[in-house]
Amino acid sequence: MKVHLQLHSILRDKLPTEAKGCTVLHLDEGTTLAGILKMLDIKRKVVISLNDIHQSDYSLEVQDGDEVKIFSAVSGGTDALLLN
């Protein structure tokens, strides 16, 4: 199945520069949001949008044609230190 992926801010570095943070992933049926994070080796705190709806349950399976956007979580104060 094909899933459209858009990475924002520092996460764009997970894709080739020429991709400009966007790509189409060819995934197996049953792939979850957590599986995409693992595949991309994203270990930092993130915010995920699936078809323009914020998702906090990363065990959700993506479907053919879905649009996944991943943002680096923004925080301040002492929380910012935990991400480094």
Protein backbone atom coordinates (compact mmCIF):
# COMPACT_ATOMS: atom_id res chain seq x y z
CA MET A 1 0.00 0.00 0.00
CA LYS A 2 1.08 3.60 -0.53
CA VAL A 3 1.10 6.22 2.22
CA HIS A 4 2.00 9.87 1.69
CA LEU A 5 4.51 11.11 4.28
CA GLN A 6 5.45 14.65 5.15
CA LEU A 7 8.14 15.38 7.73
CA HIS A 8 8.53 18.82 9.27
CA SER A 9 11.42 20.81 10.79
CA ILE A 10 14.47 18.79 11.88
CA LEU A 11 12.73 15.53 10.97
CA ARG A 12 13.14 16.38 7.29
CA ASP A 13 16.73 15.18 7.69
CA LYS A 14 15.38 11.61 7.78
CA LEU A 15 14.75 11.85 4.02
CA PRO A 16 17.08 12.77 1.16
CA THR A 17 17.48 16.56 0.74
CA GLU A 18 15.83 16.51 -2.69
CA ALA A 19 12.67 15.02 -1.14
CA LYS A 20 12.08 18.29 0.74
CA GLY A 21 10.46 16.37 3.59
CA CYS A 22 7.88 14.58 1.40
CA THR A 23 7.76 11.05 0.06
CA VAL A 24 5.47 8.15 -0.68
CA LEU A 25 6.08 5.07 1.45
CA HIS A 26 5.32 1.58 0.18
CA LEU A 27 4.25 -0.29 3.30
CA ASP A 28 2.93 -3.70 4.26
CA GLU A 29 -0.70 -4.03 5.30
CA GLY A 30 -0.99 -3.62 9.07
CA THR A 31 1.78 -1.03 9.39
CA THR A 32 1.14 1.29 12.34
CA LEU A 33 2.14 4.86 13.04
CA ALA A 34 4.65 3.47 15.55
CA GLY A 35 6.01 1.23 12.79
CA ILE A 36 6.61 4.26 10.58
CA LEU A 37 8.47 6.01 13.40
CA LYS A 38 10.61 2.92 13.93
CA MET A 39 11.27 2.53 10.20
CA LEU A 40 12.46 6.16 10.03
CA ASP A 41 14.46 5.78 13.27
CA ILE A 42 12.61 8.69 14.89
CA LYS A 43 13.18 8.47 18.63
CA ARG A 44 12.32 12.01 19.69
CA LYS A 45 8.97 13.22 20.94
CA VAL A 46 6.72 13.97 17.95
CA VAL A 47 3.20 14.99 17.01
CA ILE A 48 1.50 12.95 14.29
CA SER A 49 -1.37 13.93 12.04
CA LEU A 50 -3.18 11.18 10.11
CA ASN A 51 -5.38 12.58 7.33
CA ASP A 52 -5.26 16.00 9.07
CA ILE A 53 -6.44 14.61 12.42
CA HIS A 54 -4.07 14.72 15.41
CA GLN A 55 -3.29 11.21 16.66
CA SER A 56 -1.98 10.22 20.06
CA ASP A 57 -2.52 6.46 19.55
CA TYR A 58 0.51 5.35 17.57
CA SER A 59 -0.82 1.79 17.36
CA LEU A 60 -3.30 2.90 14.67
CA GLU A 61 -2.82 1.11 11.37
CA VAL A 62 -2.40 3.26 8.28
CA GLN A 63 -4.45 2.53 5.17
CA ASP A 64 -3.67 2.81 1.48
CA GLY A 65 -3.73 6.46 0.41
CA ASP A 66 -3.43 7.88 3.94
CA GLU A 67 -1.49 11.10 4.55
CA VAL A 68 0.84 11.08 7.54
CA LYS A 69 2.46 14.28 8.79
CA ILE A 70 5.07 14.14 11.54
CA PHE A 71 6.12 17.21 13.48
CA SER A 72 8.83 17.61 16.07
CA ALA A 73 7.12 18.28 19.41
CA VAL A 74 7.57 21.84 20.63
CA SER A 75 8.14 22.37 24.29
CA GLY A 76 9.79 24.85 26.57
CA GLY A 77 11.32 25.01 29.98
CA THR A 78 12.84 21.86 31.41
CA ASP A 79 11.01 19.62 28.92
CA ALA A 80 13.18 21.00 26.14
CA LEU A 81 16.24 19.61 27.87
CA LEU A 82 14.80 16.10 27.80
CA LEU A 83 14.70 16.04 23.99
CA ASN A 84 18.43 16.62 23.56
